[in-house]
Amino acid sequence: MGEIPFITVEGPIGVGKTSLAKAISKQFQFALLKEIVDENPFLGKFYENIEEWSFQTEMFFLCNRFKQLGDINTHYLSKNQAVVADYHIFKNLIFAARTLNKEEYKKYYKIYQILTEDMPKPNVIIYLNAGLDTLLNRIKQRGREVEKNISPLYLEQLSLDYEQTMTVFEKEHPEIPVLRFNGDEFDFVKNPHDLQLIILKLTDVLKSAAGQTSYRIGGCS
């Protein structure tokens, strides 16, 4: 890796990306980048009628993530300050491919390429996945109004899309460490031991990549 850590936590809706990103930020004292979700004015309509509102929804997310990543680069990465984010910009293509029609996707992909060509890319990825029952239960527990109409079929398909995308990503980018965790087996929100295991594995990756750099864990370096 050899560069300032830019870690991203990825996985399908409800898997716990933001919770884990917050925990990593607190543990390592890294800057935290959280994706804008509730502020998207099209999201509620999207879950009610995916076909009608998908392009507006995806364009809103793309433009806002472009702005966020530009700010992160200016205020943190360019100043050698590490960052952990609860999303990777490639998620835009996962969602867009699932929801946009062929012609919409062609237009969207062209815009995506233009906006992301010089955008900072994470150099460590933590990938979380879980079964449909686990995802639905966690979505229900957090009680977001905009997510109340999520289709289980859509969520299940999205999980498969993520798995396929990550498998391809690992083959195409062997230089970028990917840490995989099963959300059915790891409950890092309720179980401190599970969180510590994730933190320790991440620490090993960061130390190995940085060589001379040591990252503080639980009061010990």
Protein backbone atom coordinates (compact mmCIF):
# COMPACT_ATOMS: atom_id res chain seq x y z
CA MET A 1 0.00 0.00 0.00
CA GLY A 2 2.72 2.45 1.03
CA GLU A 3 0.37 5.39 1.37
CA ILE A 4 -1.81 6.98 4.01
CA PRO A 5 -4.60 4.55 5.00
CA PHE A 6 -7.92 5.13 3.29
CA ILE A 7 -10.18 2.34 4.53
CA THR A 8 -13.65 1.65 3.28
CA VAL A 9 -16.33 -0.57 4.79
CA GLU A 10 -18.69 -2.05 2.23
CA GLY A 11 -21.61 -4.45 1.97
CA PRO A 12 -25.36 -4.53 1.36
CA ILE A 13 -27.99 -2.39 3.09
CA GLY A 14 -28.34 -3.16 6.79
CA VAL A 15 -25.11 -5.11 7.22
CA GLY A 16 -23.56 -2.59 9.63
CA LYS A 17 -21.17 -0.52 7.51
CA THR A 18 -21.63 2.76 9.38
CA SER A 19 -21.44 1.14 12.81
CA LEU A 20 -18.14 -0.53 11.97
CA ALA A 21 -16.70 2.57 10.30
CA LYS A 22 -17.51 4.59 13.42
CA ALA A 23 -15.84 2.00 15.64
CA ILE A 24 -12.70 1.98 13.48
CA SER A 25 -12.61 5.76 13.43
CA LYS A 26 -12.82 5.87 17.22
CA GLN A 27 -10.23 3.13 17.76
CA PHE A 28 -7.60 4.53 15.41
CA GLN A 29 -8.54 8.21 15.60
CA PHE A 30 -9.03 8.26 11.81
CA ALA A 31 -11.27 10.80 10.11
CA LEU A 32 -14.74 9.41 9.42
CA LEU A 33 -16.56 9.71 6.10
CA LYS A 34 -20.25 8.79 6.20
CA GLU A 35 -22.37 8.56 3.08
CA ILE A 36 -25.40 10.79 2.75
CA VAL A 37 -28.54 8.65 2.87
CA ASP A 38 -31.50 10.27 4.58
CA GLU A 39 -30.84 13.56 2.78
CA ASN A 40 -31.61 11.98 -0.58
CA PRO A 41 -35.08 13.38 -1.44
CA PHE A 42 -35.77 10.56 -3.92
CA LEU A 43 -34.95 7.57 -1.69
CA GLY A 44 -38.38 7.02 -0.15
CA LYS A 45 -40.02 7.21 -3.57
CA PHE A 46 -37.34 4.87 -4.94
CA TYR A 47 -38.24 2.08 -2.51
CA GLU A 48 -41.89 2.51 -3.42
CA ASN A 49 -41.28 2.52 -7.19
CA ILE A 50 -37.75 1.54 -8.18
CA GLU A 51 -38.28 1.74 -11.92
CA GLU A 52 -39.61 5.30 -11.87
CA TRP A 53 -37.18 6.87 -9.39
CA SER A 54 -33.93 4.94 -9.85
CA PHE A 55 -32.07 7.39 -12.11
CA GLN A 56 -32.78 10.42 -9.92
CA THR A 57 -31.81 8.48 -6.81
CA GLU A 58 -28.53 7.19 -8.22
CA MET A 59 -27.52 10.56 -9.66
CA PHE A 60 -28.09 12.25 -6.30
CA PHE A 61 -25.85 9.70 -4.57
CA LEU A 62 -23.15 9.95 -7.24
CA CYS A 63 -22.95 13.74 -7.13
CA ASN A 64 -22.88 13.86 -3.35
CA ARG A 65 -20.24 11.14 -3.06
CA PHE A 66 -18.14 12.97 -5.64
CA LYS A 67 -18.29 16.10 -3.47
CA GLN A 68 -17.58 14.17 -0.26
CA LEU A 69 -14.54 12.39 -1.65
CA GLY A 70 -13.17 15.62 -3.06
CA ASP A 71 -13.48 17.22 0.38
CA ILE A 72 -11.87 14.21 2.08
CA ASN A 73 -8.93 14.40 -0.30
CA THR A 74 -8.49 18.14 0.26
CA HIS A 75 -8.88 18.21 4.03
CA TYR A 76 -7.40 14.86 5.12
CA LEU A 77 -5.65 12.56 2.62
CA SER A 78 -3.59 15.33 1.03
CA LYS A 79 -2.47 16.25 4.54
CA ASN A 80 -1.43 12.67 5.39
CA GLN A 81 -4.41 12.07 7.67
CA ALA A 82 -5.97 8.62 7.49
CA VAL A 83 -9.66 8.17 6.66
CA VAL A 84 -12.25 5.43 7.13
CA ALA A 85 -15.45 5.57 5.06
CA ASP A 86 -18.69 3.62 5.24
CA TYR A 87 -18.81 3.22 1.46
CA HIS A 88 -16.67 2.74 -1.64
CA ILE A 89 -17.52 4.73 -4.75
CA PHE A 90 -17.86 1.50 -6.77
CA LYS A 91 -21.13 0.83 -4.94
CA ASN A 92 -22.75 3.31 -7.32
CA LEU A 93 -22.28 0.90 -10.19
CA ILE A 94 -23.66 -2.02 -8.16
CA PHE A 95 -26.90 -0.18 -7.44
CA ALA A 96 -27.15 1.43 -10.87
CA ALA A 97 -26.70 -1.88 -12.68
CA ARG A 98 -29.47 -3.40 -10.59
CA THR A 99 -32.01 -0.59 -10.99
CA LEU A 100 -31.41 1.34 -14.22
CA ASN A 101 -32.55 0.28 -17.65
CA LYS A 102 -29.98 -0.27 -20.39
CA GLU A 103 -30.05 3.23 -21.87
CA GLU A 104 -30.08 4.94 -18.46
CA TYR A 105 -27.12 2.86 -17.34
CA LYS A 106 -25.08 3.81 -20.41
CA LYS A 107 -25.57 7.51 -19.64
CA TYR A 108 -24.95 6.99 -15.95
CA TYR A 109 -21.75 5.04 -16.55
CA LYS A 110 -20.31 7.79 -18.75
CA ILE A 111 -20.95 10.36 -16.00
CA TYR A 112 -19.52 7.99 -13.39
CA GLN A 113 -16.29 7.56 -15.36
CA ILE A 114 -15.82 11.30 -15.76
CA LEU A 115 -16.44 12.06 -12.09
CA THR A 116 -14.32 9.24 -10.66
CA GLU A 117 -11.28 9.25 -12.95
CA ASP A 118 -9.15 11.31 -10.53
CA MET A 119 -11.06 10.57 -7.33
CA PRO A 120 -9.14 9.11 -4.34
CA LYS A 121 -9.65 5.34 -4.06
CA PRO A 122 -9.53 3.35 -0.79
CA ASN A 123 -6.47 1.15 -0.34
CA VAL A 124 -8.02 -1.23 2.23
CA ILE A 125 -11.54 -2.67 2.00
CA ILE A 126 -13.55 -4.34 4.73
CA TYR A 127 -16.36 -6.32 3.14
CA LEU A 128 -19.36 -7.31 5.23
CA ASN A 129 -22.11 -9.61 4.08
CA ALA A 130 -24.97 -11.45 5.77
CA GLY A 131 -28.00 -13.58 5.02
CA LEU A 132 -31.32 -12.03 4.11
CA ASP A 133 -32.90 -12.65 7.53
CA THR A 134 -30.03 -10.88 9.28
CA LEU A 135 -30.20 -7.89 6.93
CA LEU A 136 -33.98 -7.55 7.26
CA ASN A 137 -33.79 -7.79 11.03
CA ARG A 138 -31.11 -5.09 11.30
CA ILE A 139 -32.99 -2.80 8.93
CA LYS A 140 -36.09 -3.25 11.08
CA GLN A 141 -34.14 -2.58 14.29
CA ARG A 142 -32.72 0.73 13.10
CA GLY A 143 -36.16 1.86 11.95
CA ARG A 144 -35.37 4.27 9.14
CA GLU A 145 -38.58 5.57 7.65
CA VAL A 146 -37.22 5.57 4.09
CA GLU A 147 -36.32 1.87 4.34
CA LYS A 148 -39.68 0.54 5.48
CA ASN A 149 -40.69 -0.42 1.94
CA ILE A 150 -37.50 -2.23 0.92
CA SER A 151 -38.37 -5.38 -1.00
CA PRO A 152 -36.76 -8.56 0.41
CA LEU A 153 -36.22 -9.71 -3.18
CA TYR A 154 -34.39 -6.48 -4.03
CA LEU A 155 -32.23 -6.86 -0.92
CA GLU A 156 -31.42 -10.47 -1.71
CA GLN A 157 -30.46 -9.62 -5.29
CA LEU A 158 -28.34 -6.74 -4.03
CA SER A 159 -26.42 -9.08 -1.73
CA LEU A 160 -25.66 -11.37 -4.66
CA ASP A 161 -24.53 -8.36 -6.71
CA TYR A 162 -22.15 -7.34 -3.94
CA GLU A 163 -20.68 -10.82 -3.70
CA GLN A 164 -20.06 -10.97 -7.44
CA THR A 165 -18.58 -7.48 -7.50
CA MET A 166 -16.20 -8.20 -4.64
CA THR A 167 -15.04 -11.46 -6.19
CA VAL A 168 -14.19 -9.66 -9.44
CA PHE A 169 -12.59 -6.74 -7.56
CA GLU A 170 -10.24 -9.04 -5.65
CA LYS A 171 -9.09 -10.67 -8.89
CA GLU A 172 -8.57 -7.35 -10.68
CA HIS A 173 -6.94 -5.55 -7.71
CA PRO A 174 -4.77 -8.07 -5.84
CA GLU A 175 -2.72 -5.18 -4.47
CA ILE A 176 -5.65 -3.93 -2.36
CA PRO A 177 -6.29 -5.95 0.83
CA VAL A 178 -9.89 -7.08 1.28
CA LEU A 179 -10.99 -8.29 4.72
CA ARG A 180 -14.20 -10.34 4.59
CA PHE A 181 -16.53 -10.83 7.55
CA ASN A 182 -19.82 -12.69 7.73
CA GLY A 183 -22.46 -10.62 9.51
CA ASP A 184 -24.37 -13.76 10.48
CA GLU A 185 -21.36 -14.82 12.56
CA PHE A 186 -19.94 -11.45 13.66
CA ASP A 187 -22.09 -9.04 15.68
CA PHE A 188 -19.55 -6.30 16.34
CA VAL A 189 -22.23 -3.94 17.67
CA LYS A 190 -23.37 -6.18 20.54
CA ASN A 191 -20.25 -8.27 21.02
CA PRO A 192 -17.02 -6.39 21.87
CA HIS A 193 -14.99 -9.56 21.24
CA ASP A 194 -16.17 -9.68 17.62
CA LEU A 195 -15.24 -6.04 17.16
CA GLN A 196 -11.81 -6.62 18.64
CA LEU A 197 -11.16 -9.49 16.23
CA ILE A 198 -11.98 -7.22 13.28
CA ILE A 199 -9.80 -4.44 14.68
CA LEU A 200 -6.86 -6.80 15.19
CA LYS A 201 -7.08 -8.17 11.65
CA LEU A 202 -7.23 -4.65 10.29
CA THR A 203 -4.24 -3.67 12.41
CA ASP A 204 -2.20 -6.53 10.95
CA VAL A 205 -3.03 -5.37 7.41
CA LEU A 206 -2.13 -1.76 8.17
CA LYS A 207 1.16 -2.67 9.84
CA SER A 208 2.11 -5.01 7.03
CA ALA A 209 1.30 -2.42 4.39
CA ALA A 210 2.92 0.54 6.10
CA GLY A 211 6.01 -1.30 7.31
CA GLN A 212 7.43 1.20 9.74
CA THR A 213 4.08 2.54 10.97
CA SER A 214 2.49 1.25 14.15
CA TYR A 215 -1.21 1.70 14.91
CA ARG A 216 -2.44 1.85 18.47
CA ILE A 217 -4.99 -0.78 19.55
CA GLY A 218 -6.71 -0.76 22.92
CA GLY A 219 -3.86 1.10 24.58
CA CYS A 220 -1.15 -1.15 23.06
CA SER A 221 0.88 -0.59 19.92
